All heavy atoms as atom14 arrays in JSON, in Angstrom:
{
  "sequence": "FTLQPVLEIEEECADYLTEVIYSEMRARVA",
  "atom14_mask": [
    [1, 1, 1, 1, 1, 1, 1, 1, 1, 1, 1, 0, 0, 0],
    [1, 1, 1, 1, 1, 1, 1, 0, 0, 0, 0, 0, 0, 0],
    [1, 1, 1, 1, 1, 1, 1, 1, 0, 0, 0, 0, 0, 0],
    [1, 1, 1, 1, 1, 1, 1, 1, 1, 0, 0, 0, 0, 0],
    [1, 1, 1, 1, 1, 1, 1, 0, 0, 0, 0, 0, 0, 0],
    [1, 1, 1, 1, 1, 1, 1, 0, 0, 0, 0, 0, 0, 0],
    [1, 1, 1, 1, 1, 1, 1, 1, 0, 0, 0, 0, 0, 0],
    [1, 1, 1, 1, 1, 1, 1, 1, 1, 0, 0, 0, 0, 0],
    [1, 1, 1, 1, 1, 1, 1, 1, 0, 0, 0, 0, 0, 0],
    [1, 1, 1, 1, 1, 1, 1, 1, 1, 0, 0, 0, 0, 0],
    [1, 1, 1, 1, 1, 1, 1, 1, 1, 0, 0, 0, 0, 0],
    [1, 1, 1, 1, 1, 1, 1, 1, 1, 0, 0, 0, 0, 0],
    [1, 1, 1, 1, 1, 1, 0, 0, 0, 0, 0, 0, 0, 0],
    [1, 1, 1, 1, 1, 0, 0, 0, 0, 0, 0, 0, 0, 0],
    [1, 1, 1, 1, 1, 1, 1, 1, 0, 0, 0, 0, 0, 0],
    [1, 1, 1, 1, 1, 1, 1, 1, 1, 1, 1, 1, 0, 0],
    [1, 1, 1, 1, 1, 1, 1, 1, 0, 0, 0, 0, 0, 0],
    [1, 1, 1, 1, 1, 1, 1, 0, 0, 0, 0, 0, 0, 0],
    [1, 1, 1, 1, 1, 1, 1, 1, 1, 0, 0, 0, 0, 0],
    [1, 1, 1, 1, 1, 1, 1, 0, 0, 0, 0, 0, 0, 0],
    [1, 1, 1, 1, 1, 1, 1, 1, 0, 0, 0, 0, 0, 0],
    [1, 1, 1, 1, 1, 1, 1, 1, 1, 1, 1, 1, 0, 0],
    [1, 1, 1, 1, 1, 1, 0, 0, 0, 0, 0, 0, 0, 0],
    [1, 1, 1, 1, 1, 1, 1, 1, 1, 0, 0, 0, 0, 0],
    [1, 1, 1, 1, 1, 1, 1, 1, 0, 0, 0, 0, 0, 0],
    [1, 1, 1, 1, 1, 1, 1, 1, 1, 1, 1, 0, 0, 0],
    [1, 1, 1, 1, 1, 0, 0, 0, 0, 0, 0, 0, 0, 0],
    [1, 1, 1, 1, 1, 1, 1, 1, 1, 1, 1, 0, 0, 0],
    [1, 1, 1, 1, 1, 1, 1, 0, 0, 0, 0, 0, 0, 0],
    [1, 1, 1, 1, 1, 0, 0, 0, 0, 0, 0, 0, 0, 0]
  ],
  "atom14_positions": [
    [[171.05, -3.23, 132.11], [171.51, -1.95, 132.63], [172.21, -2.1, 133.98], [171.93, -2.99, 134.75], [170.27, -1.03, 132.85], [169.51, -0.77, 131.61], [168.37, -1.58, 131.25], [169.88, 0.21, 130.7], [167.7, -1.39, 130.06], [169.17, 0.44, 129.56], [168.07, -0.38, 129.22], [0.0, 0.0, 0.0], [0.0, 0.0, 0.0], [0.0, 0.0, 0.0]],
    [[173.06, -1.15, 134.27], [173.66, -0.99, 135.63], [172.89, 0.11, 136.29], [172.76, 1.16, 135.76], [175.17, -0.67, 135.5], [175.78, -1.7, 134.79], [175.76, -0.51, 136.87], [0.0, 0.0, 0.0], [0.0, 0.0, 0.0], [0.0, 0.0, 0.0], [0.0, 0.0, 0.0], [0.0, 0.0, 0.0], [0.0, 0.0, 0.0], [0.0, 0.0, 0.0]],
    [[172.34, -0.18, 137.47], [171.61, 0.8, 138.18], [172.28, 1.14, 139.52], [172.78, 0.25, 140.2], [170.16, 0.29, 138.53], [169.13, 0.42, 137.44], [169.5, -0.42, 136.26], [167.84, 0.09, 137.97], [0.0, 0.0, 0.0], [0.0, 0.0, 0.0], [0.0, 0.0, 0.0], [0.0, 0.0, 0.0], [0.0, 0.0, 0.0], [0.0, 0.0, 0.0]],
    [[172.25, 2.43, 139.88], [172.81, 2.92, 141.17], [171.68, 3.71, 141.79], [171.26, 4.7, 141.22], [174.03, 3.72, 140.95], [174.64, 4.3, 142.22], [175.16, 3.27, 143.19], [175.76, 2.32, 142.75], [174.85, 3.39, 144.41], [0.0, 0.0, 0.0], [0.0, 0.0, 0.0], [0.0, 0.0, 0.0], [0.0, 0.0, 0.0], [0.0, 0.0, 0.0]],
    [[171.14, 3.29, 142.95], [170.07, 4.04, 143.56], [170.56, 5.48, 143.89], [171.67, 5.72, 144.25], [169.85, 3.25, 144.9], [170.36, 1.96, 144.65], [171.52, 2.06, 143.69], [0.0, 0.0, 0.0], [0.0, 0.0, 0.0], [0.0, 0.0, 0.0], [0.0, 0.0, 0.0], [0.0, 0.0, 0.0], [0.0, 0.0, 0.0], [0.0, 0.0, 0.0]],
    [[169.61, 6.43, 143.66], [169.88, 7.84, 143.9], [170.1, 8.06, 145.41], [170.92, 8.8, 145.81], [168.76, 8.7, 143.31], [168.99, 10.17, 143.66], [168.81, 8.52, 141.79], [0.0, 0.0, 0.0], [0.0, 0.0, 0.0], [0.0, 0.0, 0.0], [0.0, 0.0, 0.0], [0.0, 0.0, 0.0], [0.0, 0.0, 0.0], [0.0, 0.0, 0.0]],
    [[169.17, 7.42, 146.13], [169.24, 7.57, 147.62], [169.92, 6.36, 148.21], [169.96, 5.29, 147.6], [167.83, 7.58, 148.19], [166.88, 8.75, 147.7], [165.54, 8.59, 148.26], [167.49, 10.12, 148.09], [0.0, 0.0, 0.0], [0.0, 0.0, 0.0], [0.0, 0.0, 0.0], [0.0, 0.0, 0.0], [0.0, 0.0, 0.0], [0.0, 0.0, 0.0]],
    [[170.56, 6.54, 149.37], [171.13, 5.46, 150.08], [170.05, 4.54, 150.62], [169.11, 4.98, 151.18], [172.03, 5.94, 151.24], [172.95, 4.89, 151.77], [173.93, 5.43, 152.71], [174.53, 6.49, 152.36], [174.22, 4.8, 153.72], [0.0, 0.0, 0.0], [0.0, 0.0, 0.0], [0.0, 0.0, 0.0], [0.0, 0.0, 0.0], [0.0, 0.0, 0.0]],
    [[170.17, 3.25, 150.26], [169.19, 2.27, 150.68], [169.87, 1.13, 151.4], [170.98, 0.89, 151.24], [168.34, 1.74, 149.45], [169.33, 1.04, 148.46], [167.54, 2.81, 148.82], [168.59, 0.27, 147.36], [0.0, 0.0, 0.0], [0.0, 0.0, 0.0], [0.0, 0.0, 0.0], [0.0, 0.0, 0.0], [0.0, 0.0, 0.0], [0.0, 0.0, 0.0]],
    [[169.05, 0.45, 152.22], [169.66, -0.64, 153.01], [169.42, -1.98, 152.25], [170.08, -2.96, 152.6], [169.0, -0.69, 154.39], [169.37, 0.48, 155.23], [168.93, 0.43, 156.63], [168.48, -0.7, 157.08], [168.83, 1.47, 157.28], [0.0, 0.0, 0.0], [0.0, 0.0, 0.0], [0.0, 0.0, 0.0], [0.0, 0.0, 0.0], [0.0, 0.0, 0.0]],
    [[168.45, -2.02, 151.37], [168.16, -3.29, 150.69], [169.0, -3.43, 149.41], [169.61, -2.51, 148.95], [166.65, -3.42, 150.44], [166.13, -2.29, 149.56], [164.61, -2.28, 149.57], [163.96, -3.31, 149.43], [164.07, -1.17, 149.69], [0.0, 0.0, 0.0], [0.0, 0.0, 0.0], [0.0, 0.0, 0.0], [0.0, 0.0, 0.0], [0.0, 0.0, 0.0]],
    [[168.96, -4.63, 148.89], [169.67, -4.94, 147.64], [169.03, -4.12, 146.48], [167.86, -3.88, 146.49], [169.59, -6.43, 147.31], [170.32, -7.32, 148.26], [171.8, -7.14, 148.06], [172.31, -7.04, 146.94], [172.5, -7.15, 149.14], [0.0, 0.0, 0.0], [0.0, 0.0, 0.0], [0.0, 0.0, 0.0], [0.0, 0.0, 0.0], [0.0, 0.0, 0.0]],
    [[169.84, -3.73, 145.49], [169.36, -2.97, 144.39], [168.21, -3.67, 143.65], [167.22, -3.02, 143.31], [170.52, -2.67, 143.44], [170.09, -1.55, 142.07], [0.0, 0.0, 0.0], [0.0, 0.0, 0.0], [0.0, 0.0, 0.0], [0.0, 0.0, 0.0], [0.0, 0.0, 0.0], [0.0, 0.0, 0.0], [0.0, 0.0, 0.0], [0.0, 0.0, 0.0]],
    [[168.37, -5.0, 143.45], [167.28, -5.72, 142.73], [165.95, -5.72, 143.47], [164.91, -5.55, 142.94], [167.74, -7.17, 142.53], [0.0, 0.0, 0.0], [0.0, 0.0, 0.0], [0.0, 0.0, 0.0], [0.0, 0.0, 0.0], [0.0, 0.0, 0.0], [0.0, 0.0, 0.0], [0.0, 0.0, 0.0], [0.0, 0.0, 0.0], [0.0, 0.0, 0.0]],
    [[166.04, -5.85, 144.83], [164.83, -5.76, 145.61], [164.23, -4.38, 145.57], [162.98, -4.25, 145.52], [165.14, -6.13, 147.09], [165.55, -7.58, 147.24], [165.23, -8.42, 146.37], [166.2, -7.93, 148.22], [0.0, 0.0, 0.0], [0.0, 0.0, 0.0], [0.0, 0.0, 0.0], [0.0, 0.0, 0.0], [0.0, 0.0, 0.0], [0.0, 0.0, 0.0]],
    [[165.03, -3.38, 145.65], [164.56, -2.01, 145.54], [163.9, -1.72, 144.22], [162.86, -1.12, 144.12], [165.68, -1.04, 145.88], [165.24, 0.46, 145.86], [164.22, 0.89, 146.61], [165.98, 1.34, 145.08], [163.85, 2.23, 146.62], [165.62, 2.7, 145.1], [164.61, 3.18, 145.88], [164.23, 4.44, 145.86], [0.0, 0.0, 0.0], [0.0, 0.0, 0.0]],
    [[164.56, -2.19, 143.22], [164.05, -2.03, 141.81], [162.68, -2.67, 141.73], [161.7, -2.11, 141.15], [165.02, -2.53, 140.76], [164.53, -2.51, 139.29], [164.18, -1.13, 138.82], [165.54, -3.2, 138.44], [0.0, 0.0, 0.0], [0.0, 0.0, 0.0], [0.0, 0.0, 0.0], [0.0, 0.0, 0.0], [0.0, 0.0, 0.0], [0.0, 0.0, 0.0]],
    [[162.53, -3.92, 142.19], [161.32, -4.63, 142.13], [160.19, -3.89, 142.89], [159.07, -3.81, 142.43], [161.48, -6.06, 142.76], [162.49, -6.76, 141.98], [160.2, -6.87, 142.71], [0.0, 0.0, 0.0], [0.0, 0.0, 0.0], [0.0, 0.0, 0.0], [0.0, 0.0, 0.0], [0.0, 0.0, 0.0], [0.0, 0.0, 0.0], [0.0, 0.0, 0.0]],
    [[160.53, -3.31, 144.02], [159.61, -2.51, 144.81], [159.14, -1.25, 144.07], [157.93, -0.95, 144.07], [160.32, -2.12, 146.15], [159.43, -1.54, 147.18], [160.24, -1.28, 148.42], [160.84, -2.21, 149.01], [160.29, -0.12, 148.81], [0.0, 0.0, 0.0], [0.0, 0.0, 0.0], [0.0, 0.0, 0.0], [0.0, 0.0, 0.0], [0.0, 0.0, 0.0]],
    [[160.06, -0.59, 143.4], [159.77, 0.58, 142.67], [158.8, 0.22, 141.48], [157.75, 0.91, 141.3], [161.0, 1.26, 142.08], [160.68, 2.28, 140.99], [161.79, 1.88, 143.17], [0.0, 0.0, 0.0], [0.0, 0.0, 0.0], [0.0, 0.0, 0.0], [0.0, 0.0, 0.0], [0.0, 0.0, 0.0], [0.0, 0.0, 0.0], [0.0, 0.0, 0.0]],
    [[159.03, -0.85, 140.76], [158.21, -1.28, 139.66], [156.85, -1.63, 140.15], [155.83, -1.31, 139.65], [158.89, -2.4, 138.88], [160.13, -1.88, 138.16], [157.94, -3.04, 137.86], [161.0, -3.03, 137.54], [0.0, 0.0, 0.0], [0.0, 0.0, 0.0], [0.0, 0.0, 0.0], [0.0, 0.0, 0.0], [0.0, 0.0, 0.0], [0.0, 0.0, 0.0]],
    [[156.83, -2.48, 141.29], [155.58, -2.93, 141.86], [154.67, -1.75, 142.27], [153.47, -1.71, 141.92], [155.89, -3.8, 143.07], [154.63, -4.29, 143.79], [153.95, -5.41, 143.47], [154.07, -3.53, 144.86], [152.78, -5.8, 144.09], [152.99, -3.91, 145.57], [152.3, -5.06, 145.13], [151.17, -5.46, 145.84], [0.0, 0.0, 0.0], [0.0, 0.0, 0.0]],
    [[155.29, -0.81, 142.95], [154.45, 0.37, 143.41], [153.87, 1.14, 142.35], [152.75, 1.59, 142.38], [155.38, 1.28, 144.29], [155.82, 0.6, 145.49], [0.0, 0.0, 0.0], [0.0, 0.0, 0.0], [0.0, 0.0, 0.0], [0.0, 0.0, 0.0], [0.0, 0.0, 0.0], [0.0, 0.0, 0.0], [0.0, 0.0, 0.0], [0.0, 0.0, 0.0]],
    [[154.68, 1.34, 141.26], [154.15, 2.12, 140.09], [153.08, 1.33, 139.38], [152.08, 1.92, 139.02], [155.29, 2.49, 139.18], [154.84, 3.48, 138.1], [154.34, 4.79, 138.64], [154.74, 5.25, 139.77], [153.53, 5.43, 137.92], [0.0, 0.0, 0.0], [0.0, 0.0, 0.0], [0.0, 0.0, 0.0], [0.0, 0.0, 0.0], [0.0, 0.0, 0.0]],
    [[153.3, 0.04, 139.19], [152.24, -0.76, 138.5], [150.96, -0.78, 139.23], [149.89, -0.57, 138.78], [152.77, -2.18, 138.26], [153.51, -2.36, 136.99], [153.52, -4.03, 136.32], [154.74, -4.73, 137.41], [0.0, 0.0, 0.0], [0.0, 0.0, 0.0], [0.0, 0.0, 0.0], [0.0, 0.0, 0.0], [0.0, 0.0, 0.0], [0.0, 0.0, 0.0]],
    [[151.01, -0.93, 140.59], [149.81, -0.95, 141.43], [149.09, 0.35, 141.31], [147.88, 0.42, 141.22], [150.15, -1.35, 142.85], [150.58, -2.76, 143.03], [149.58, -3.79, 142.63], [148.49, -3.85, 143.62], [147.44, -4.66, 143.55], [147.34, -5.49, 142.57], [146.47, -4.57, 144.41], [0.0, 0.0, 0.0], [0.0, 0.0, 0.0], [0.0, 0.0, 0.0]],
    [[149.89, 1.44, 141.36], [149.27, 2.77, 141.33], [148.58, 3.01, 139.96], [147.55, 3.58, 139.97], [150.34, 3.87, 141.6], [0.0, 0.0, 0.0], [0.0, 0.0, 0.0], [0.0, 0.0, 0.0], [0.0, 0.0, 0.0], [0.0, 0.0, 0.0], [0.0, 0.0, 0.0], [0.0, 0.0, 0.0], [0.0, 0.0, 0.0], [0.0, 0.0, 0.0]],
    [[149.22, 2.67, 138.95], [148.7, 2.92, 137.57], [147.42, 2.11, 137.34], [146.47, 2.6, 136.79], [149.68, 2.6, 136.48], [150.94, 3.44, 136.47], [150.69, 4.91, 136.58], [149.75, 5.43, 135.6], [149.27, 6.68, 135.62], [149.66, 7.5, 136.56], [148.4, 7.08, 134.75], [0.0, 0.0, 0.0], [0.0, 0.0, 0.0], [0.0, 0.0, 0.0]],
    [[147.42, 0.84, 137.78], [146.2, 0.05, 137.7], [145.07, 0.57, 138.51], [143.92, 0.66, 138.12], [146.54, -1.43, 138.0], [145.27, -2.28, 138.11], [147.46, -2.05, 136.94], [0.0, 0.0, 0.0], [0.0, 0.0, 0.0], [0.0, 0.0, 0.0], [0.0, 0.0, 0.0], [0.0, 0.0, 0.0], [0.0, 0.0, 0.0], [0.0, 0.0, 0.0]],
    [[145.41, 1.01, 139.78], [144.42, 1.62, 140.64], [143.88, 2.89, 140.06], [142.69, 3.21, 140.24], [145.02, 1.86, 142.03], [0.0, 0.0, 0.0], [0.0, 0.0, 0.0], [0.0, 0.0, 0.0], [0.0, 0.0, 0.0], [0.0, 0.0, 0.0], [0.0, 0.0, 0.0], [0.0, 0.0, 0.0], [0.0, 0.0, 0.0], [0.0, 0.0, 0.0]]
  ]
}
């Protein structure tokens, strides 16, 4: 997939995507 962040971000798209996935996984497990 090609991803474009909805909000303007300062980090790389791949890093932001990893952060989004990480946060959701941690929340769901918790």
